[in-house]
Amino acid sequence: MFLNPEIAGLSIAAILFAALVIDAVFGEFGALFRVIPHPVAAIGGLVGWFDRRLNREQRSDSARRARGAVVVVLMVGLAAAIGWGLTDLARMFPHGWIIELTTIALLVAQRSLFDHVRAVARALDRDGLEGARVAVARIVGRDPRDLDAHGVARASIESLAENFADGVVAPVFWYLLLGLPGLLVYKTVNTMDSMIGYRTPRHGAFGMVAARLDDVLNYVPARIAAVMIVVASLFVPRGRPMSALRVMARDGGKHRSPNAGWPEAAMAGGIGVALAGPRSYDGAVEDEPWVGGEFSAQIGSADIRRALYLFVVACLFEAVIVALLATMLLR
């Protein structure tokens, strides 16, 4: 059978391609997860419980670091065990591939990312600055209250580029490499980083191990994502592939994150906008360098839509690579 999980290699690429198509068409299955928690929400709930119980302000930084490391070990072990369990379960039934396909489709974020970023563009056009701030707050970790309309647009494009790497490319990468255990471990670490991986007084120590592990797991996928954006810019109207390549090579390492700057720089060059720059986190202003500083930072909803176009083409490019892999393994 074409999608039999027992067919090594072929099953991985074929199931993955089907999952990418399902996610692109149907997204997050919102109606279902109004009844039961989404897997990522369940992971986040457990991380939040550990944070409340173990991350006490009166403890020393070393104690909080140690407790955070224990949480990482427990969460990674649990994710790996669930991944192995689901893999074994899938191989017990003739149509067990459905378990793998569903799990992947739920943990890849193409459609949901597109919808959330498009909502920012629509809010800028229809609801004004306040509505756009509400929309962008759903996808960024910074305080949106100090953002003007240009800042909202930049923040949404930055989030789109960064999350293409860690919400689309990285899950595919780790599933291809290590199957469901790799995918679930990656999503667990990435969720921990998004919740406790900030350099703030509360989470700087407790979330340090989670943040560093997320950096390691995203190192290769982030650079793959950047290259995909460069290639995709060849196929979009007014795309700038040479600028994407130049800005990626020059500015990719300027970001405070060792990984996020690469897809952001490729996106900035690909559509010809300036991203990053000074920003506010938890009330503190961080004077960060511009990415694509030769371009204008005065951007708006039209630029968000151009970034979305580039994102869609990059997702299609990734799907084509997976489909080619499935075809090669079929021979």
Protein backbone atom coordinates (compact mmCIF):
# COMPACT_ATOMS: atom_id res chain seq x y z
CA MET A 1 0.00 0.00 0.00
CA PHE A 2 1.35 3.42 -0.98
CA LEU A 3 0.87 5.03 2.42
CA ASN A 4 1.78 2.01 4.56
CA PRO A 5 3.96 3.13 7.50
CA GLU A 6 5.86 -0.15 7.26
CA ILE A 7 7.35 0.93 3.91
CA ALA A 8 10.44 2.68 5.22
CA GLY A 9 11.33 6.02 3.64
CA LEU A 10 8.50 6.05 1.12
CA SER A 11 5.85 6.26 3.82
CA ILE A 12 7.55 9.19 5.51
CA ALA A 13 7.64 11.38 2.40
CA ALA A 14 4.22 10.32 1.12
CA ILE A 15 2.42 10.81 4.43
CA LEU A 16 4.21 14.11 4.94
CA PHE A 17 3.15 15.43 1.54
CA ALA A 18 -0.48 14.48 2.22
CA ALA A 19 -0.30 16.17 5.62
CA LEU A 20 1.06 19.38 4.09
CA VAL A 21 -1.82 19.44 1.61
CA ILE A 22 -4.39 18.83 4.35
CA ASP A 23 -2.94 21.58 6.53
CA ALA A 24 -2.85 24.02 3.61
CA VAL A 25 -6.51 23.34 2.78
CA PHE A 26 -8.13 22.88 6.19
CA GLY A 27 -5.80 24.57 8.67
CA GLU A 28 -6.21 24.00 12.40
CA PHE A 29 -9.61 22.22 12.44
CA GLY A 30 -10.92 24.99 14.69
CA ALA A 31 -14.31 23.39 15.32
CA LEU A 32 -12.69 20.24 16.70
CA PHE A 33 -10.40 22.11 19.06
CA ARG A 34 -13.22 24.09 20.55
CA VAL A 35 -14.22 20.75 22.09
CA ILE A 36 -10.81 19.23 22.88
CA PRO A 37 -7.45 20.96 23.39
CA HIS A 38 -5.08 21.29 20.46
CA PRO A 39 -1.86 19.28 21.01
CA VAL A 40 0.22 22.47 21.16
CA ALA A 41 -2.23 23.98 23.66
CA ALA A 42 -1.93 20.83 25.76
CA ILE A 43 1.87 21.10 25.70
CA GLY A 44 1.60 24.76 26.61
CA GLY A 45 -0.74 23.99 29.49
CA LEU A 46 1.76 21.55 30.97
CA VAL A 47 4.66 23.97 30.51
CA GLY A 48 2.60 26.69 32.20
CA TRP A 49 1.88 24.37 35.12
CA PHE A 50 5.59 23.65 35.59
CA ASP A 51 6.35 27.37 35.31
CA ARG A 52 3.89 28.26 38.06
CA ARG A 53 5.00 25.45 40.36
CA LEU A 54 8.77 25.51 39.95
CA ASN A 55 9.75 29.01 38.81
CA ARG A 56 9.49 30.96 42.08
CA GLU A 57 10.99 34.44 42.26
CA GLN A 58 12.55 33.84 45.68
CA ARG A 59 14.78 31.08 44.32
CA SER A 60 18.30 31.76 43.04
CA ASP A 61 19.08 31.84 39.33
CA SER A 62 21.09 28.63 39.59
CA ALA A 63 18.18 26.84 41.26
CA ARG A 64 15.76 28.12 38.63
CA ARG A 65 18.12 27.05 35.84
CA ALA A 66 18.35 23.57 37.31
CA ARG A 67 14.58 23.30 37.67
CA GLY A 68 14.11 24.54 34.12
CA ALA A 69 16.54 21.88 32.89
CA VAL A 70 14.57 19.20 34.72
CA VAL A 71 11.38 20.43 33.04
CA VAL A 72 13.07 20.20 29.63
CA VAL A 73 14.20 16.62 30.30
CA LEU A 74 10.72 15.61 31.48
CA MET A 75 8.91 17.29 28.59
CA VAL A 76 11.30 15.95 25.94
CA GLY A 77 11.07 12.45 27.41
CA LEU A 78 7.28 12.60 27.45
CA ALA A 79 7.13 13.90 23.86
CA ALA A 80 9.50 11.19 22.62
CA ALA A 81 7.53 8.49 24.42
CA ILE A 82 4.24 9.70 22.92
CA GLY A 83 5.87 9.87 19.49
CA TRP A 84 7.14 6.30 19.73
CA GLY A 85 3.80 5.15 21.07
CA LEU A 86 1.91 6.74 18.18
CA THR A 87 4.38 5.27 15.69
CA ASP A 88 3.94 1.77 17.13
CA LEU A 89 0.17 2.23 17.18
CA ALA A 90 0.18 3.33 13.53
CA ARG A 91 2.03 0.19 12.54
CA MET A 92 -0.48 -2.10 14.25
CA PHE A 93 -3.34 -1.36 11.84
CA PRO A 94 -3.72 -1.56 8.04
CA HIS A 95 -4.77 2.08 7.92
CA GLY A 96 -2.63 3.23 10.83
CA TRP A 97 -0.94 5.75 8.55
CA ILE A 98 -3.95 7.97 9.30
CA ILE A 99 -2.56 8.45 12.83
CA GLU A 100 0.75 9.74 11.49
CA LEU A 101 -0.91 11.89 8.83
CA THR A 102 -3.28 13.51 11.34
CA THR A 103 -0.50 14.18 13.84
CA ILE A 104 1.68 15.88 11.25
CA ALA A 105 -1.19 17.95 9.85
CA LEU A 106 -1.96 19.23 13.35
CA LEU A 107 1.64 20.20 14.08
CA VAL A 108 2.53 22.01 10.83
CA ALA A 109 1.41 25.64 10.81
CA GLN A 110 1.19 26.75 7.17
CA ARG A 111 -2.47 27.71 7.03
CA SER A 112 -2.81 29.05 10.56
CA LEU A 113 0.25 31.27 10.10
CA PHE A 114 -1.10 32.56 6.79
CA ASP A 115 -4.50 33.30 8.33
CA HIS A 116 -3.07 35.12 11.37
CA VAL A 117 -0.76 37.32 9.31
CA ARG A 118 -3.46 38.05 6.73
CA ALA A 119 -5.69 39.14 9.62
CA VAL A 120 -3.15 41.86 10.46
CA ALA A 121 -3.25 43.20 6.90
CA ARG A 122 -7.04 43.20 6.94
CA ALA A 123 -7.13 44.92 10.32
CA LEU A 124 -4.82 47.67 9.08
CA ASP A 125 -7.18 48.28 6.16
CA ARG A 126 -10.51 47.94 7.97
CA ASP A 127 -10.05 48.53 11.69
CA GLY A 128 -7.22 51.03 11.89
CA LEU A 129 -4.18 50.93 14.14
CA GLU A 130 -5.89 49.68 17.31
CA GLY A 131 -7.47 46.75 15.51
CA ALA A 132 -4.15 45.92 13.86
CA ARG A 133 -2.39 45.97 17.23
CA VAL A 134 -4.89 43.45 18.56
CA ALA A 135 -4.34 41.23 15.52
CA VAL A 136 -0.55 41.37 15.64
CA ALA A 137 -0.50 40.68 19.39
CA ARG A 138 -1.67 37.15 18.56
CA ILE A 139 1.54 36.34 16.67
CA VAL A 140 4.34 38.34 18.33
CA GLY A 141 5.87 38.31 21.79
CA ARG A 142 6.52 42.03 22.06
CA ASP A 143 4.23 44.75 23.42
CA PRO A 144 2.23 46.07 20.42
CA ARG A 145 0.96 49.18 22.22
CA ASP A 146 4.00 51.20 21.19
CA LEU A 147 3.87 50.12 17.53
CA ASP A 148 2.69 52.50 14.84
CA ALA A 149 1.12 51.16 11.64
CA HIS A 150 4.53 50.64 10.03
CA GLY A 151 5.76 48.82 13.13
CA VAL A 152 2.72 46.55 13.10
CA ALA A 153 3.36 45.68 9.45
CA ARG A 154 7.04 44.98 10.12
CA ALA A 155 6.24 42.84 13.17
CA SER A 156 3.79 40.71 11.20
CA ILE A 157 6.26 40.13 8.35
CA GLU A 158 9.04 39.28 10.80
CA SER A 159 6.75 36.79 12.52
CA LEU A 160 5.77 35.30 9.16
CA ALA A 161 9.41 34.75 8.18
CA GLU A 162 10.51 33.40 11.55
CA ASN A 163 7.52 31.10 11.87
CA PHE A 164 7.99 29.80 8.34
CA ALA A 165 11.24 28.41 9.71
CA ASP A 166 10.08 27.07 13.07
CA GLY A 167 6.42 26.38 12.28
CA VAL A 168 6.71 24.90 8.77
CA VAL A 169 10.24 23.94 7.75
CA ALA A 170 11.52 22.67 11.11
CA PRO A 171 8.60 20.26 11.74
CA VAL A 172 9.08 18.83 8.24
CA PHE A 173 12.83 18.55 8.78
CA TRP A 174 12.56 16.73 12.10
CA TYR A 175 9.79 14.42 10.89
CA LEU A 176 11.85 13.41 7.87
CA LEU A 177 14.87 12.84 10.10
CA LEU A 178 13.34 11.13 13.16
CA GLY A 179 9.67 10.48 12.44
CA LEU A 180 6.91 11.28 14.93
CA PRO A 181 9.26 11.21 17.96
CA GLY A 182 11.43 13.87 16.31
CA LEU A 183 8.43 15.97 15.33
CA LEU A 184 6.85 15.85 18.79
CA VAL A 185 10.13 16.56 20.58
CA TYR A 186 10.74 19.54 18.30
CA LYS A 187 7.24 20.99 18.78
CA THR A 188 7.54 20.52 22.53
CA VAL A 189 10.88 22.32 22.72
CA ASN A 190 9.65 25.08 20.42
CA THR A 191 6.53 25.57 22.53
CA MET A 192 8.64 25.75 25.69
CA ASP A 193 10.87 28.35 24.07
CA SER A 194 7.86 30.45 23.02
CA MET A 195 6.56 30.42 26.61
CA ILE A 196 9.61 30.49 28.88
CA GLY A 197 12.55 31.17 26.55
CA TYR A 198 12.61 34.96 26.99
CA ARG A 199 15.51 36.89 28.53
CA THR A 200 13.31 38.45 31.19
CA PRO A 201 13.77 38.54 34.99
CA ARG A 202 11.18 35.80 35.35
CA HIS A 203 12.30 33.45 32.59
CA GLY A 204 15.93 34.29 31.87
CA ALA A 205 17.21 31.51 34.15
CA PHE A 206 14.28 29.08 34.21
CA GLY A 207 13.92 29.04 30.42
CA MET A 208 17.60 29.12 29.51
CA VAL A 209 17.97 25.40 28.71
CA ALA A 210 14.74 25.37 26.69
CA ALA A 211 15.87 28.42 24.72
CA ARG A 212 19.32 27.00 24.00
CA LEU A 213 17.91 23.63 22.94
CA ASP A 214 15.45 25.39 20.63
CA ASP A 215 18.39 27.27 19.08
CA VAL A 216 20.14 23.97 18.40
CA LEU A 217 17.08 22.28 16.91
CA ASN A 218 16.32 25.26 14.66
CA TYR A 219 19.88 25.90 13.47
CA VAL A 220 19.67 23.90 10.25
CA PRO A 221 15.92 24.41 9.51
CA ALA A 222 16.25 28.20 9.81
CA ARG A 223 18.93 28.31 7.16
CA ILE A 224 17.02 25.92 4.91
CA ALA A 225 13.98 28.19 5.29
CA ALA A 226 16.04 31.24 4.34
CA VAL A 227 17.28 29.54 1.16
CA MET A 228 13.71 28.50 0.30
CA ILE A 229 12.59 32.12 0.63
CA VAL A 230 15.42 33.23 -1.65
CA VAL A 231 14.42 30.65 -4.27
CA ALA A 232 10.71 31.47 -3.89
CA SER A 233 11.42 35.16 -4.56
CA LEU A 234 12.29 34.14 -8.12
CA PHE A 235 8.64 33.28 -8.72
CA VAL A 236 6.71 36.17 -7.16
CA PRO A 237 5.76 39.48 -8.79
CA ARG A 238 8.35 42.16 -7.97
CA GLY A 239 10.43 39.57 -6.14
CA ARG A 240 14.09 40.42 -5.54
CA PRO A 241 16.07 37.15 -5.46
CA MET A 242 19.49 38.80 -5.62
CA SER A 243 18.55 41.22 -2.84
CA ALA A 244 17.17 38.31 -0.82
CA LEU A 245 20.47 36.46 -1.16
CA ARG A 246 22.57 39.55 -0.44
CA VAL A 247 20.60 40.66 2.63
CA MET A 248 20.44 37.11 3.96
CA ALA A 249 24.22 36.73 3.73
CA ARG A 250 24.92 40.18 5.17
CA ASP A 251 22.24 40.59 7.85
CA GLY A 252 21.23 37.03 8.75
CA GLY A 253 23.62 36.94 11.69
CA LYS A 254 22.67 40.36 13.11
CA HIS A 255 19.54 39.17 14.92
CA ARG A 256 19.58 38.58 18.70
CA SER A 257 18.49 35.03 17.85
CA PRO A 258 21.10 32.84 16.12
CA ASN A 259 18.38 31.55 13.80
CA ALA A 260 15.50 34.00 13.30
CA GLY A 261 17.61 36.53 11.45
CA TRP A 262 18.21 34.26 8.47
CA PRO A 263 14.62 33.85 7.20
CA GLU A 264 13.82 37.44 8.23
CA ALA A 265 16.76 38.78 6.24
CA ALA A 266 15.81 36.68 3.21
CA MET A 267 12.23 37.96 3.45
CA ALA A 268 13.37 41.58 3.84
CA GLY A 269 15.53 41.37 0.74
CA GLY A 270 12.99 39.31 -1.19
CA ILE A 271 10.26 41.94 -0.98
CA GLY A 272 12.48 45.01 -0.51
CA VAL A 273 11.60 46.20 3.00
CA ALA A 274 13.53 47.01 6.17
CA LEU A 275 12.75 44.79 9.17
CA ALA A 276 13.85 44.46 12.81
CA GLY A 277 15.35 47.64 14.31
CA PRO A 278 14.57 49.01 17.81
CA ARG A 279 11.74 47.23 19.60
CA SER A 280 10.07 46.88 23.00
CA TYR A 281 9.88 43.72 25.13
CA ASP A 282 8.12 43.84 28.50
CA GLY A 283 8.44 47.62 28.57
CA ALA A 284 12.19 47.64 27.84
CA VAL A 285 13.42 49.05 24.53
CA GLU A 286 16.11 47.01 22.78
CA ASP A 287 18.15 48.88 20.17
CA GLU A 288 18.55 46.14 17.57
CA PRO A 289 20.10 46.63 14.11
CA TRP A 290 18.02 46.95 10.98
CA VAL A 291 17.76 44.06 8.54
CA GLY A 292 17.60 45.22 4.94
CA GLY A 293 18.39 48.74 6.08
CA GLU A 294 18.82 50.00 2.51
CA PHE A 295 15.07 49.59 2.01
CA SER A 296 12.19 51.58 3.50
CA ALA A 297 10.81 50.72 6.94
CA GLN A 298 7.64 52.72 6.18
CA ILE A 299 5.57 49.77 5.06
CA GLY A 300 1.91 48.76 5.26
CA SER A 301 -0.73 46.19 4.45
CA ALA A 302 0.30 45.90 0.79
CA ASP A 303 3.76 44.79 1.88
CA ILE A 304 2.25 42.22 4.24
CA ARG A 305 0.33 40.76 1.30
CA ARG A 306 3.50 40.62 -0.79
CA ALA A 307 5.21 38.77 2.06
CA LEU A 308 2.27 36.36 2.23
CA TYR A 309 2.58 35.71 -1.50
CA LEU A 310 6.25 34.89 -1.02
CA PHE A 311 5.39 32.67 1.97
CA VAL A 312 2.85 30.69 -0.07
CA VAL A 313 5.35 30.12 -2.88
CA ALA A 314 7.99 29.03 -0.35
CA CYS A 315 5.50 26.55 1.16
CA LEU A 316 4.73 25.22 -2.32
CA PHE A 317 8.45 24.86 -2.98
CA GLU A 318 8.83 22.82 0.20
CA ALA A 319 5.86 20.62 -0.77
CA VAL A 320 7.38 20.03 -4.22
CA ILE A 321 10.64 18.89 -2.59
CA VAL A 322 8.72 16.45 -0.38
CA ALA A 323 6.73 15.18 -3.38
CA LEU A 324 9.93 14.64 -5.36
CA LEU A 325 11.38 12.75 -2.42
CA ALA A 326 8.31 10.51 -2.31
CA THR A 327 8.57 9.90 -6.06
CA MET A 328 12.27 9.06 -5.87
CA LEU A 329 11.66 6.56 -3.06
CA LEU A 330 8.86 4.96 -5.09
CA ARG A 331 11.26 3.89 -7.83
